Amino acid sequence: MRRWKFMLTLTVLSTLIILLANINVADAVTEQSIETKLILTLLYPATNKAINDVYPDREFDLWNAEIKSIKQNDNEDYDYTAIVEYNTYTGPHNPPEGNVLIEYLISLKGVKVENIKGAGT
């Protein structure tokens, strides 16, 4: 009887593993390109400071940040404006606080936050 229960449990677990392995996680969450990850990494210090200054009780993650636009300014080779949207929250078990749009000026002098707007503002 014990062996039968063990075999049944093993079969159920094996079936679950096979089913879970076939779920396409990329359909649920859009995978960020390496270029997007690099840009978000380089913008992180300015982003962290800006969000902490304006919304001191909020946190954010990079995995779901979305680059809305990047444009070159006045035909300058190394002068850009970028807009990135971040989801913010106040804790791991709390609902999201809303999206924050940050506009950056990026040049050889560094990264400057030009504008920060919360959802609905």
PDB file of N, CA and C in Angstrom:
ATOM      1  N   MET A   1       0.826  -1.188   0.000  1.00  0.00           N
ATOM      2  CA  MET A   1       0.000   0.000   0.000  1.00  0.00           C
ATOM      3  C   MET A   1       0.875   1.258   0.000  1.00  0.00           C
ATOM      4  N   ARG A   2       1.939   1.282   0.807  1.00  0.00           N
ATOM      5  CA  ARG A   2       2.816   2.449   0.877  1.00  0.00           C
ATOM      6  C   ARG A   2       3.525   2.666  -0.452  1.00  0.00           C
ATOM      7  N   ARG A   3       3.932   1.561  -1.078  1.00  0.00           N
ATOM      8  CA  ARG A   3       4.626   1.664  -2.353  1.00  0.00           C
ATOM      9  C   ARG A   3       3.700   2.242  -3.421  1.00  0.00           C
ATOM     10  N   TRP A   4       2.439   1.850  -3.407  1.00  0.00           N
ATOM     11  CA  TRP A   4       1.458   2.349  -4.362  1.00  0.00           C
ATOM     12  C   TRP A   4       1.274   3.854  -4.200  1.00  0.00           C
ATOM     13  N   LYS A   5       1.161   4.345  -2.963  1.00  0.00           N
ATOM     14  CA  LYS A   5       1.011   5.779  -2.695  1.00  0.00           C
ATOM     15  C   LYS A   5       2.256   6.546  -3.143  1.00  0.00           C
ATOM     16  N   PHE A   6       3.399   5.951  -2.883  1.00  0.00           N
ATOM     17  CA  PHE A   6       4.650   6.586  -3.303  1.00  0.00           C
ATOM     18  C   PHE A   6       4.700   6.718  -4.820  1.00  0.00           C
ATOM     19  N   MET A   7       4.350   5.673  -5.541  1.00  0.00           N
ATOM     20  CA  MET A   7       4.367   5.686  -7.007  1.00  0.00           C
ATOM     21  C   MET A   7       3.349   6.696  -7.555  1.00  0.00           C
ATOM     22  N   LEU A   8       2.176   6.762  -6.930  1.00  0.00           N
ATOM     23  CA  LEU A   8       1.154   7.722  -7.348  1.00  0.00           C
ATOM     24  C   LEU A   8       1.651   9.151  -7.133  1.00  0.00           C
ATOM     25  N   THR A   9       2.244   9.411  -5.990  1.00  0.00           N
ATOM     26  CA  THR A   9       2.793  10.734  -5.689  1.00  0.00           C
ATOM     27  C   THR A   9       3.897  11.096  -6.670  1.00  0.00           C
ATOM     28  N   LEU A  10       4.763  10.154  -6.949  1.00  0.00           N
ATOM     29  CA  LEU A  10       5.852  10.372  -7.892  1.00  0.00           C
ATOM     30  C   LEU A  10       5.316  10.668  -9.299  1.00  0.00           C
ATOM     31  N   THR A  11       4.287   9.966  -9.710  1.00  0.00           N
ATOM     32  CA  THR A  11       3.676  10.186 -11.018  1.00  0.00           C
ATOM     33  C   THR A  11       3.033  11.572 -11.090  1.00  0.00           C
ATOM     34  N   VAL A  12       2.323  11.960 -10.055  1.00  0.00           N
ATOM     35  CA  VAL A  12       1.684  13.279 -10.022  1.00  0.00           C
ATOM     36  C   VAL A  12       2.736  14.384 -10.060  1.00  0.00           C
ATOM     37  N   LEU A  13       3.789  14.252  -9.274  1.00  0.00           N
ATOM     38  CA  LEU A  13       4.849  15.252  -9.266  1.00  0.00           C
ATOM     39  C   LEU A  13       5.547  15.339 -10.622  1.00  0.00           C
ATOM     40  N   SER A  14       5.803  14.207 -11.232  1.00  0.00           N
ATOM     41  CA  SER A  14       6.439  14.196 -12.552  1.00  0.00           C
ATOM     42  C   SER A  14       5.563  14.888 -13.581  1.00  0.00           C
ATOM     43  N   THR A  15       4.278  14.620 -13.544  1.00  0.00           N
ATOM     44  CA  THR A  15       3.341  15.256 -14.470  1.00  0.00           C
ATOM     45  C   THR A  15       3.321  16.771 -14.263  1.00  0.00           C
ATOM     46  N   LEU A  16       3.297  17.223 -13.016  1.00  0.00           N
ATOM     47  CA  LEU A  16       3.309  18.657 -12.724  1.00  0.00           C
ATOM     48  C   LEU A  16       4.585  19.323 -13.228  1.00  0.00           C
ATOM     49  N   ILE A  17       5.704  18.665 -13.043  1.00  0.00           N
ATOM     50  CA  ILE A  17       6.977  19.217 -13.511  1.00  0.00           C
ATOM     51  C   ILE A  17       6.970  19.353 -15.026  1.00  0.00           C
ATOM     52  N   ILE A  18       6.473  18.348 -15.711  1.00  0.00           N
ATOM     53  CA  ILE A  18       6.409  18.403 -17.176  1.00  0.00           C
ATOM     54  C   ILE A  18       5.473  19.526 -17.622  1.00  0.00           C
ATOM     55  N   LEU A  19       4.312  19.657 -16.987  1.00  0.00           N
ATOM     56  CA  LEU A  19       3.366  20.717 -17.349  1.00  0.00           C
ATOM     57  C   LEU A  19       3.956  22.095 -17.094  1.00  0.00           C
ATOM     58  N   LEU A  20       4.594  22.280 -15.944  1.00  0.00           N
ATOM     59  CA  LEU A  20       5.185  23.574 -15.617  1.00  0.00           C
ATOM     60  C   LEU A  20       6.341  23.914 -16.544  1.00  0.00           C
ATOM     61  N   ALA A  21       7.088  22.909 -16.968  1.00  0.00           N
ATOM     62  CA  ALA A  21       8.210  23.143 -17.871  1.00  0.00           C
ATOM     63  C   ALA A  21       7.737  23.609 -19.237  1.00  0.00           C
ATOM     64  N   ASN A  22       6.518  23.273 -19.605  1.00  0.00           N
ATOM     65  CA  ASN A  22       5.982  23.651 -20.907  1.00  0.00           C
ATOM     66  C   ASN A  22       5.299  25.009 -20.912  1.00  0.00           C
ATOM     67  N   ILE A  23       5.118  25.620 -19.752  1.00  0.00           N
ATOM     68  CA  ILE A  23       4.516  26.948 -19.697  1.00  0.00           C
ATOM     69  C   ILE A  23       5.529  27.944 -20.212  1.00  0.00           C
ATOM     70  N   ASN A  24       5.121  28.772 -21.126  1.00  0.00           N
ATOM     71  CA  ASN A  24       6.007  29.772 -21.717  1.00  0.00           C
ATOM     72  C   ASN A  24       5.964  31.041 -20.869  1.00  0.00           C
ATOM     73  N   VAL A  25       6.951  31.226 -20.037  1.00  0.00           N
ATOM     74  CA  VAL A  25       7.011  32.376 -19.145  1.00  0.00           C
ATOM     75  C   VAL A  25       7.152  33.670 -19.935  1.00  0.00           C
ATOM     76  N   ALA A  26       7.773  33.627 -21.092  1.00  0.00           N
ATOM     77  CA  ALA A  26       7.965  34.829 -21.903  1.00  0.00           C
ATOM     78  C   ALA A  26       6.636  35.432 -22.333  1.00  0.00           C
ATOM     79  N   ASP A  27       5.583  34.622 -22.437  1.00  0.00           N
ATOM     80  CA  ASP A  27       4.278  35.159 -22.785  1.00  0.00           C
ATOM     81  C   ASP A  27       3.711  36.006 -21.651  1.00  0.00           C
ATOM     82  N   ALA A  28       4.023  35.644 -20.416  1.00  0.00           N
ATOM     83  CA  ALA A  28       3.494  36.376 -19.269  1.00  0.00           C
ATOM     84  C   ALA A  28       4.278  37.658 -19.010  1.00  0.00           C
ATOM     85  N   VAL A  29       5.579  37.624 -19.193  1.00  0.00           N
ATOM     86  CA  VAL A  29       6.431  38.782 -18.945  1.00  0.00           C
ATOM     87  C   VAL A  29       7.334  38.977 -20.154  1.00  0.00           C
ATOM     88  N   THR A  30       7.336  40.160 -20.703  1.00  0.00           N
ATOM     89  CA  THR A  30       8.173  40.431 -21.854  1.00  0.00           C
ATOM     90  C   THR A  30       9.631  40.481 -21.417  1.00  0.00           C
ATOM     91  N   GLU A  31      10.460  39.718 -22.089  1.00  0.00           N
ATOM     92  CA  GLU A  31      11.883  39.664 -21.784  1.00  0.00           C
ATOM     93  C   GLU A  31      12.563  40.945 -22.244  1.00  0.00           C
ATOM     94  N   GLN A  32      13.379  41.528 -21.375  1.00  0.00           N
ATOM     95  CA  GLN A  32      14.135  42.726 -21.738  1.00  0.00           C
ATOM     96  C   GLN A  32      15.378  42.332 -22.514  1.00  0.00           C
ATOM     97  N   SER A  33      15.705  43.124 -23.514  1.00  0.00           N
ATOM     98  CA  SER A  33      16.932  42.875 -24.272  1.00  0.00           C
ATOM     99  C   SER A  33      18.138  43.263 -23.423  1.00  0.00           C
ATOM    100  N   ILE A  34      19.290  42.789 -23.833  1.00  0.00           N
ATOM    101  CA  ILE A  34      20.518  43.137 -23.117  1.00  0.00           C
ATOM    102  C   ILE A  34      20.782  44.639 -23.201  1.00  0.00           C
ATOM    103  N   GLU A  35      20.400  45.265 -24.330  1.00  0.00           N
ATOM    104  CA  GLU A  35      20.579  46.719 -24.475  1.00  0.00           C
ATOM    105  C   GLU A  35      19.686  47.479 -23.495  1.00  0.00           C
ATOM    106  N   THR A  36      18.449  47.020 -23.333  1.00  0.00           N
ATOM    107  CA  THR A  36      17.537  47.657 -22.368  1.00  0.00           C
ATOM    108  C   THR A  36      18.071  47.514 -20.957  1.00  0.00           C
ATOM    109  N   LYS A  37      18.548  46.330 -20.615  1.00  0.00           N
ATOM    110  CA  LYS A  37      19.103  46.106 -19.282  1.00  0.00           C
ATOM    111  C   LYS A  37      20.316  46.995 -19.036  1.00  0.00           C
ATOM    112  N   LEU A  38      21.157  47.157 -20.050  1.00  0.00           N
ATOM    113  CA  LEU A  38      22.332  48.014 -19.932  1.00  0.00           C
ATOM    114  C   LEU A  38      21.925  49.466 -19.698  1.00  0.00           C
ATOM    115  N   ILE A  39      20.973  49.955 -20.480  1.00  0.00           N
ATOM    116  CA  ILE A  39      20.511  51.346 -20.326  1.00  0.00           C
ATOM    117  C   ILE A  39      19.925  51.562 -18.939  1.00  0.00           C
ATOM    118  N   LEU A  40      19.060  50.648 -18.486  1.00  0.00           N
ATOM    119  CA  LEU A  40      18.444  50.785 -17.154  1.00  0.00           C
ATOM    120  C   LEU A  40      19.495  50.731 -16.051  1.00  0.00           C
ATOM    121  N   THR A  41      20.519  49.922 -16.240  1.00  0.00           N
ATOM    122  CA  THR A  41      21.607  49.835 -15.263  1.00  0.00           C
ATOM    123  C   THR A  41      22.361  51.154 -15.183  1.00  0.00           C
ATOM    124  N   LEU A  42      22.670  51.740 -16.332  1.00  0.00           N
ATOM    125  CA  LEU A  42      23.405  53.013 -16.349  1.00  0.00           C
ATOM    126  C   LEU A  42      22.564  54.169 -15.803  1.00  0.00           C
ATOM    127  N   LEU A  43      21.240  54.104 -15.974  1.00  0.00           N
ATOM    128  CA  LEU A  43      20.355  55.155 -15.459  1.00  0.00           C
ATOM    129  C   LEU A  43      20.015  54.962 -13.985  1.00  0.00           C
ATOM    130  N   TYR A  44      20.310  53.797 -13.437  1.00  0.00           N
ATOM    131  CA  TYR A  44      19.881  53.453 -12.081  1.00  0.00           C
ATOM    132  C   TYR A  44      20.257  54.484 -11.006  1.00  0.00           C
ATOM    133  N   PRO A  45      21.509  54.954 -10.924  1.00  0.00           N
ATOM    134  CA  PRO A  45      21.820  55.913  -9.852  1.00  0.00           C
ATOM    135  C   PRO A  45      20.938  57.171  -9.903  1.00  0.00           C
ATOM    136  N   ALA A  46      20.731  57.729 -11.094  1.00  0.00           N
ATOM    137  CA  ALA A  46      19.887  58.929 -11.217  1.00  0.00           C
ATOM    138  C   ALA A  46      18.430  58.590 -10.917  1.00  0.00           C
ATOM    139  N   THR A  47      17.988  57.418 -11.349  1.00  0.00           N
ATOM    140  CA  THR A  47      16.607  56.984 -11.105  1.00  0.00           C
ATOM    141  C   THR A  47      16.355  56.814  -9.618  1.00  0.00           C
ATOM    142  N   ASN A  48      17.248  56.119  -8.954  1.00  0.00           N
ATOM    143  CA  ASN A  48      17.105  55.859  -7.527  1.00  0.00           C
ATOM    144  C   ASN A  48      17.035  57.166  -6.740  1.00  0.00           C
ATOM    145  N   LYS A  49      17.914  58.106  -7.054  1.00  0.00           N
ATOM    146  CA  LYS A  49      17.922  59.396  -6.360  1.00  0.00           C
ATOM    147  C   LYS A  49      16.636  60.163  -6.629  1.00  0.00           C
ATOM    148  N   ALA A  50      16.197  60.211  -7.888  1.00  0.00           N
ATOM    149  CA  ALA A  50      14.997  60.972  -8.244  1.00  0.00           C
ATOM    150  C   ALA A  50      13.752  60.406  -7.569  1.00  0.00           C
ATOM    151  N   ILE A  51      13.582  59.094  -7.620  1.00  0.00           N
ATOM    152  CA  ILE A  51      12.394  58.498  -7.000  1.00  0.00           C
ATOM    153  C   ILE A  51      12.442  58.649  -5.489  1.00  0.00           C
ATOM    154  N   ASN A  52      13.616  58.490  -4.876  1.00  0.00           N
ATOM    155  CA  ASN A  52      13.725  58.667  -3.422  1.00  0.00           C
ATOM    156  C   ASN A  52      13.484  60.115  -2.994  1.00  0.00           C
ATOM    157  N   ASP A  53      13.888  61.076  -3.827  1.00  0.00           N
ATOM    158  CA  ASP A  53      13.670  62.488  -3.500  1.00  0.00           C
ATOM    159  C   ASP A  53      12.193  62.869  -3.598  1.00  0.00           C
ATOM    160  N   VAL A  54      11.518  62.412  -4.657  1.00  0.00           N
ATOM    161  CA  VAL A  54      10.125  62.812  -4.896  1.00  0.00           C
ATOM    162  C   VAL A  54       9.141  61.915  -4.152  1.00  0.00           C
ATOM    163  N   TYR A  55       9.417  60.615  -4.118  1.00  0.00           N
ATOM    164  CA  TYR A  55       8.541  59.641  -3.461  1.00  0.00           C
ATOM    165  C   TYR A  55       9.370  58.829  -2.459  1.00  0.00           C
ATOM    166  N   PRO A  56       9.691  59.399  -1.295  1.00  0.00           N
ATOM    167  CA  PRO A  56      10.638  58.750  -0.377  1.00  0.00           C
ATOM    168  C   PRO A  56      10.185  57.393   0.174  1.00  0.00           C
ATOM    169  N   ASP A  57       8.883  57.122   0.169  1.00  0.00           N
ATOM    170  CA  ASP A  57       8.419  55.844   0.719  1.00  0.00           C
ATOM    171  C   ASP A  57       8.213  54.783  -0.351  1.00  0.00           C
ATOM    172  N   ARG A  58       8.522  55.097  -1.608  1.00  0.00           N
ATOM    173  CA  ARG A  58       8.310  54.141  -2.698  1.00  0.00           C
ATOM    174  C   ARG A  58       9.605  53.444  -3.112  1.00  0.00           C
ATOM    175  N   GLU A  59       9.429  52.256  -3.668  1.00  0.00           N
ATOM    176  CA  GLU A  59      10.527  51.491  -4.245  1.00  0.00           C
ATOM    177  C   GLU A  59      10.171  51.185  -5.690  1.00  0.00           C
ATOM    178  N   PHE A  60      11.132  50.685  -6.447  1.00  0.00           N
ATOM    179  CA  PHE A  60      10.890  50.333  -7.846  1.00  0.00           C
ATOM    180  C   PHE A  60      11.802  49.180  -8.233  1.00  0.00           C
ATOM    181  N   ASP A  61      11.440  48.520  -9.312  1.00  0.00           N
ATOM    182  CA  ASP A  61      12.262  47.437  -9.854  1.00  0.00           C
ATOM    183  C   ASP A  61      12.618  47.757 -11.293  1.00  0.00           C
ATOM    184  N   LEU A  62      13.676  47.155 -11.767  1.00  0.00           N
ATOM    185  CA  LEU A  62      14.074  47.359 -13.158  1.00  0.00           C
ATOM    186  C   LEU A  62      13.477  46.315 -14.099  1.00  0.00           C
ATOM    187  N   TRP A  63      13.120  45.162 -13.597  1.00  0.00           N
ATOM    188  CA  TRP A  63      12.683  44.066 -14.458  1.00  0.00           C
ATOM    189  C   TRP A  63      11.447  44.406 -15.274  1.00  0.00           C
ATOM    190  N   ASN A  64      10.611  45.319 -14.776  1.00  0.00           N
ATOM    191  CA  ASN A  64       9.406  45.677 -15.516  1.00  0.00           C
ATOM    192  C   ASN A  64       9.417  47.131 -15.984  1.00  0.00           C
ATOM    193  N   ALA A  65      10.563  47.781 -15.918  1.00  0.00           N
ATOM    194  CA  ALA A  65      10.680  49.153 -16.426  1.00  0.00           C
ATOM    195  C   ALA A  65      10.596  49.116 -17.951  1.00  0.00           C
ATOM    196  N   GLU A  66      10.033  50.182 -18.503  1.00  0.00           N
ATOM    197  CA  GLU A  66       9.851  50.232 -19.950  1.00  0.00           C
ATOM    198  C   GLU A  66      10.426  51.535 -20.507  1.00  0.00           C
ATOM    199  N   ILE A  67      11.349  51.401 -21.453  1.00  0.00           N
ATOM    200  CA  ILE A  67      11.898  52.573 -22.123  1.00  0.00           C
ATOM    201  C   ILE A  67      10.863  53.031 -23.139  1.00  0.00           C
ATOM    202  N   LYS A  68      10.311  54.228 -22.931  1.00  0.00           N
ATOM    203  CA  LYS A  68       9.270  54.751 -23.807  1.00  0.00           C
ATOM    204  C   LYS A  68       9.852  55.391 -25.056  1.00  0.00           C
ATOM    205  N   SER A  69      10.961  56.108 -24.893  1.00  0.00           N
ATOM    206  CA  SER A  69      11.580  56.740 -26.057  1.00  0.00           C
ATOM    207  C   SER A  69      13.019  57.115 -25.758  1.00  0.00           C
ATOM    208  N   ILE A  70      13.802  57.152 -26.818  1.00  0.00           N
ATOM    209  CA  ILE A  70      15.166  57.673 -26.779  1.00  0.00           C
ATOM    210  C   ILE A  70      15.338  58.462 -28.063  1.00  0.00           C
ATOM    211  N   LYS A  71      15.757  59.713 -27.921  1.00  0.00           N
ATOM    212  CA  LYS A  71      15.996  60.510 -29.131  1.00  0.00           C
ATOM    213  C   LYS A  71      17.291  61.293 -28.982  1.00  0.00           C
ATOM    214  N   GLN A  72      17.897  61.519 -30.104  1.00  0.00           N
ATOM    215  CA  GLN A  72      19.126  62.298 -30.151  1.00  0.00           C
ATOM    216  C   GLN A  72      18.746  63.771 -30.172  1.00  0.00           C
ATOM    217  N   ASN A  73      19.441  64.589 -29.383  1.00  0.00           N
ATOM    218  CA  ASN A  73      19.127  66.010 -29.281  1.00  0.00           C
ATOM    219  C   ASN A  73      19.939  66.835 -30.263  1.00  0.00           C
ATOM    220  N   ASP A  74      19.262  67.636 -31.053  1.00  0.00           N
ATOM    221  CA  ASP A  74      19.891  68.627 -31.939  1.00  0.00           C
ATOM    222  C   ASP A  74      21.062  68.069 -32.740  1.00  0.00           C
ATOM    223  N   ASN A  75      20.922  66.866 -33.240  1.00  0.00           N
ATOM    224  CA  ASN A  75      21.943  66.235 -34.071  1.00  0.00           C
ATOM    225  C   ASN A  75      23.322  66.169 -33.416  1.00  0.00           C
ATOM    226  N   GLU A  76      23.348  66.181 -32.112  1.00  0.00           N
ATOM    227  CA  GLU A  76      24.597  66.001 -31.372  1.00  0.00           C
ATOM    228  C   GLU A  76      24.840  64.498 -31.228  1.00  0.00           C
ATOM    229  N   ASP A  77      26.063  64.078 -31.478  1.00  0.00           N
ATOM    230  CA  ASP A  77      26.354  62.651 -31.461  1.00  0.00           C
ATOM    231  C   ASP A  77      26.159  61.992 -30.098  1.00  0.00           C
ATOM    232  N   TYR A  78      26.422  62.699 -29.021  1.00  0.00           N
ATOM    233  CA  TYR A  78      26.380  62.078 -27.697  1.00  0.00           C
ATOM    234  C   TYR A  78      25.519  62.885 -26.735  1.00  0.00           C
ATOM    235  N   ASP A  79      24.343  63.295 -27.197  1.00  0.00           N
ATOM    236  CA  ASP A  79      23.412  64.091 -26.399  1.00  0.00           C
ATOM    237  C   ASP A  79      22.004  63.564 -26.670  1.00  0.00           C
ATOM    238  N   TYR A  80      21.371  62.972 -25.648  1.00  0.00           N
ATOM    239  CA  TYR A  80      20.108  62.273 -25.840  1.00  0.00           C
ATOM    240  C   TYR A  80      19.089  62.662 -24.774  1.00  0.00           C
ATOM    241  N   THR A  81      17.830  62.452 -25.123  1.00  0.00           N
ATOM    242  CA  THR A  81      16.735  62.522 -24.167  1.00  0.00           C
ATOM    243  C   THR A  81      16.079  61.149 -24.151  1.00  0.00           C
ATOM    244  N   ALA A  82      15.867  60.620 -22.967  1.00  0.00           N
ATOM    245  CA  ALA A  82      15.216  59.315 -22.824  1.00  0.00           C
ATOM    246  C   ALA A  82      14.076  59.443 -21.829  1.00  0.00           C
ATOM    247  N   ILE A  83      13.013  58.711 -22.082  1.00  0.00           N
ATOM    248  CA  ILE A  83      11.878  58.651 -21.161  1.00  0.00           C
ATOM    249  C   ILE A  83      11.667  57.187 -20.790  1.00  0.00           C
ATOM    250  N   VAL A  84      11.621  56.935 -19.483  1.00  0.00           N
ATOM    251  CA  VAL A  84      11.465  55.569 -18.975  1.00  0.00           C
ATOM    252  C   VAL A  84      10.321  55.556 -17.971  1.00  0.00           C
ATOM    253  N   GLU A  85       9.510  54.492 -18.034  1.00  0.00           N
ATOM    254  CA  GLU A  85       8.399  54.315 -17.104  1.00  0.00           C
ATOM    255  C   GLU A  85       8.735  53.204 -16.117  1.00  0.00           C
ATOM    256  N   TYR A  86       8.562  53.509 -14.828  1.00  0.00           N
ATOM    257  CA  TYR A  86       8.828  52.555 -13.750  1.00  0.00           C
ATOM    258  C   TYR A  86       7.549  52.318 -12.959  1.00  0.00           C
ATOM    259  N   ASN A  87       7.331  51.077 -12.523  1.00  0.00           N
ATOM    260  CA  ASN A  87       6.251  50.772 -11.592  1.00  0.00           C
ATOM    261  C   ASN A  87       6.817  50.954 -10.186  1.00  0.00           C
ATOM    262  N   THR A  88       6.053  51.612  -9.317  1.00  0.00           N
ATOM    263  CA  THR A  88       6.529  51.821  -7.947  1.00  0.00           C
ATOM    264  C   THR A  88       5.596  51.121  -6.964  1.00  0.00           C
ATOM    265  N   TYR A  89       6.140  50.841  -5.797  1.00  0.00           N
ATOM    266  CA  TYR A  89       5.385  50.173  -4.742  1.00  0.00           C
ATOM    267  C   TYR A  89       5.967  50.577  -3.392  1.00  0.00           C
ATOM    268  N   THR A  90       5.221  50.296  -2.311  1.00  0.00           N
ATOM    269  CA  THR A  90       5.707  50.649  -0.975  1.00  0.00           C
ATOM    270  C   THR A  90       6.168  49.440  -0.173  1.00  0.00           C
ATOM    271  N   GLY A  91       5.903  48.265  -0.639  1.00  0.00           N
ATOM    272  CA  GLY A  91       6.341  47.059   0.055  1.00  0.00           C
ATOM    273  C   GLY A  91       5.994  45.836  -0.757  1.00  0.00           C
ATOM    274  N   PRO A  92       6.607  44.709  -0.425  1.00  0.00           N
ATOM    275  CA  PRO A  92       6.418  43.512  -1.244  1.00  0.00           C
ATOM    276  C   PRO A  92       4.993  42.963  -1.228  1.00  0.00           C
ATOM    277  N   HIS A  93       4.216  43.256  -0.201  1.00  0.00           N
ATOM    278  CA  HIS A  93       2.867  42.699  -0.106  1.00  0.00           C
ATOM    279  C   HIS A  93       1.794  43.759  -0.300  1.00  0.00           C
ATOM    280  N   ASN A  94       2.190  44.935  -0.755  1.00  0.00           N
ATOM    281  CA  ASN A  94       1.247  46.014  -0.997  1.00  0.00           C
ATOM    282  C   ASN A  94       1.005  46.167  -2.490  1.00  0.00           C
ATOM    283  N   PRO A  95      -0.141  46.715  -2.849  1.00  0.00           N
ATOM    284  CA  PRO A  95      -0.388  46.929  -4.278  1.00  0.00           C
ATOM    285  C   PRO A  95       0.536  48.011  -4.826  1.00  0.00           C
ATOM    286  N   PRO A  96       0.725  48.028  -6.137  1.00  0.00           N
ATOM    287  CA  PRO A  96       1.573  49.063  -6.746  1.00  0.00           C
ATOM    288  C   PRO A  96       1.042  50.460  -6.442  1.00  0.00           C
ATOM    289  N   GLU A  97       1.944  51.417  -6.313  1.00  0.00           N
ATOM    290  CA  GLU A  97       1.577  52.805  -6.047  1.00  0.00           C
ATOM    291  C   GLU A  97       1.257  53.551  -7.329  1.00  0.00           C
ATOM    292  N   GLY A  98       1.697  53.047  -8.442  1.00  0.00           N
ATOM    293  CA  GLY A  98       1.462  53.716  -9.717  1.00  0.00           C
ATOM    294  C   GLY A  98       2.758  53.876 -10.470  1.00  0.00           C
ATOM    295  N   ASN A  99       2.601  54.199 -11.729  1.00  0.00           N
ATOM    296  CA  ASN A  99       3.760  54.348 -12.592  1.00  0.00           C
ATOM    297  C   ASN A  99       4.367  55.729 -12.448  1.00  0.00           C
ATOM    298  N   VAL A 100       5.665  55.782 -12.661  1.00  0.00           N
ATOM    299  CA  VAL A 100       6.411  57.041 -12.636  1.00  0.00           C
ATOM    300  C   VAL A 100       7.161  57.149 -13.957  1.00  0.00           C
ATOM    301  N   LEU A 101       6.979  58.278 -14.639  1.00  0.00           N
ATOM    302  CA  LEU A 101       7.708  58.561 -15.880  1.00  0.00           C
ATOM    303  C   LEU A 101       8.863  59.491 -15.548  1.00  0.00           C
ATOM    304  N   ILE A 102      10.052  59.123 -15.988  1.00  0.00           N
ATOM    305  CA  ILE A 102      11.225  59.966 -15.765  1.00  0.00           C
ATOM    306  C   ILE A 102      11.826  60.326 -17.116  1.00  0.00           C
ATOM    307  N   GLU A 103      12.065  61.622 -17.300  1.00  0.00           N
ATOM    308  CA  GLU A 103      12.733  62.107 -18.505  1.00  0.00           C
ATOM    309  C   GLU A 103      14.171  62.448 -18.139  1.00  0.00           C
ATOM    310  N   TYR A 104      15.106  61.877 -18.884  1.00  0.00           N
ATOM    311  CA  TYR A 104      16.530  62.056 -18.625  1.00  0.00           C
ATOM    312  C   TYR A 104      17.172  62.851 -19.754  1.00  0.00           C
ATOM    313  N   LEU A 105      18.139  63.680 -19.402  1.00  0.00           N
ATOM    314  CA  LEU A 105      19.056  64.262 -20.373  1.00  0.00           C
ATOM    315  C   LEU A 105      20.371  63.515 -20.190  1.00  0.00           C
ATOM    316  N   ILE A 106      20.847  62.904 -21.258  1.00  0.00           N
ATOM    317  CA  ILE A 106      22.043  62.060 -21.194  1.00  0.00           C
ATOM    318  C   ILE A 106      23.083  62.633 -22.139  1.00  0.00           C
ATOM    319  N   SER A 107      24.263  62.922 -21.590  1.00  0.00           N
ATOM    320  CA  SER A 107      25.346  63.462 -22.411  1.00  0.00           C
ATOM    321  C   SER A 107      26.669  62.955 -21.859  1.00  0.00           C
ATOM    322  N   LEU A 108      27.751  63.427 -22.465  1.00  0.00           N
ATOM    323  CA  LEU A 108      29.069  63.050 -21.965  1.00  0.00           C
ATOM    324  C   LEU A 108      29.327  63.624 -20.574  1.00  0.00           C
ATOM    325  N   LYS A 109      28.558  64.619 -20.175  1.00  0.00           N
ATOM    326  CA  LYS A 109      28.685  65.196 -18.832  1.00  0.00           C
ATOM    327  C   LYS A 109      28.018  64.325 -17.771  1.00  0.00           C
ATOM    328  N   GLY A 110      27.162  63.401 -18.213  1.00  0.00           N
ATOM    329  CA  GLY A 110      26.482  62.524 -17.271  1.00  0.00           C
ATOM    330  C   GLY A 110      24.993  62.436 -17.546  1.00  0.00           C
ATOM    331  N   VAL A 111      24.271  61.928 -16.556  1.00  0.00           N
ATOM    332  CA  VAL A 111      22.826  61.749 -16.645  1.00  0.00           C
ATOM    333  C   VAL A 111      22.164  62.730 -15.702  1.00  0.00           C
ATOM    334  N   LYS A 112      21.194  63.473 -16.228  1.00  0.00           N
ATOM    335  CA  LYS A 112      20.448  64.427 -15.421  1.00  0.00           C
ATOM    336  C   LYS A 112      18.967  64.134 -15.563  1.00  0.00           C
ATOM    337  N   VAL A 113      18.253  64.093 -14.436  1.00  0.00           N
ATOM    338  CA  VAL A 113      16.797  63.914 -14.485  1.00  0.00           C
ATOM    339  C   VAL A 113      16.197  65.276 -14.788  1.00  0.00           C
ATOM    340  N   GLU A 114      15.522  65.358 -15.925  1.00  0.00           N
ATOM    341  CA  GLU A 114      14.903  66.608 -16.377  1.00  0.00           C
ATOM    342  C   GLU A 114      13.488  66.759 -15.807  1.00  0.00           C
ATOM    343  N   ASN A 115      12.760  65.640 -15.722  1.00  0.00           N
ATOM    344  CA  ASN A 115      11.371  65.692 -15.277  1.00  0.00           C
ATOM    345  C   ASN A 115      10.982  64.347 -14.695  1.00  0.00           C
ATOM    346  N   ILE A 116      10.129  64.370 -13.661  1.00  0.00           N
ATOM    347  CA  ILE A 116       9.595  63.151 -13.080  1.00  0.00           C
ATOM    348  C   ILE A 116       8.128  63.384 -12.814  1.00  0.00           C
ATOM    349  N   LYS A 117       7.289  62.446 -13.295  1.00  0.00           N
ATOM    350  CA  LYS A 117       5.839  62.566 -13.131  1.00  0.00           C
ATOM    351  C   LYS A 117       5.274  61.245 -12.646  1.00  0.00           C
ATOM    352  N   GLY A 118       4.389  61.351 -11.672  1.00  0.00           N
ATOM    353  CA  GLY A 118       3.684  60.167 -11.214  1.00  0.00           C
ATOM    354  C   GLY A 118       2.424  59.949 -12.034  1.00  0.00           C
ATOM    355  N   ALA A 119       1.818  58.798 -11.853  1.00  0.00           N
ATOM    356  CA  ALA A 119       0.593  58.468 -12.590  1.00  0.00           C
ATOM    357  C   ALA A 119      -0.487  59.495 -12.277  1.00  0.00           C
ATOM    358  N   GLY A 120      -1.125  59.987 -13.312  1.00  0.00           N
ATOM    359  CA  GLY A 120      -2.231  60.923 -13.145  1.00  0.00           C
ATOM    360  C   GLY A 120      -1.816  62.345 -12.832  1.00  0.00           C
ATOM    361  N   THR A 121      -0.500  62.650 -12.943  1.00  0.00           N
ATOM    362  CA  THR A 121      -0.070  64.028 -12.669  1.00  0.00           C
ATOM    363  C   THR A 121       0.538  64.644 -13.892  1.00  0.00           C
TER     364      THR A 121
END
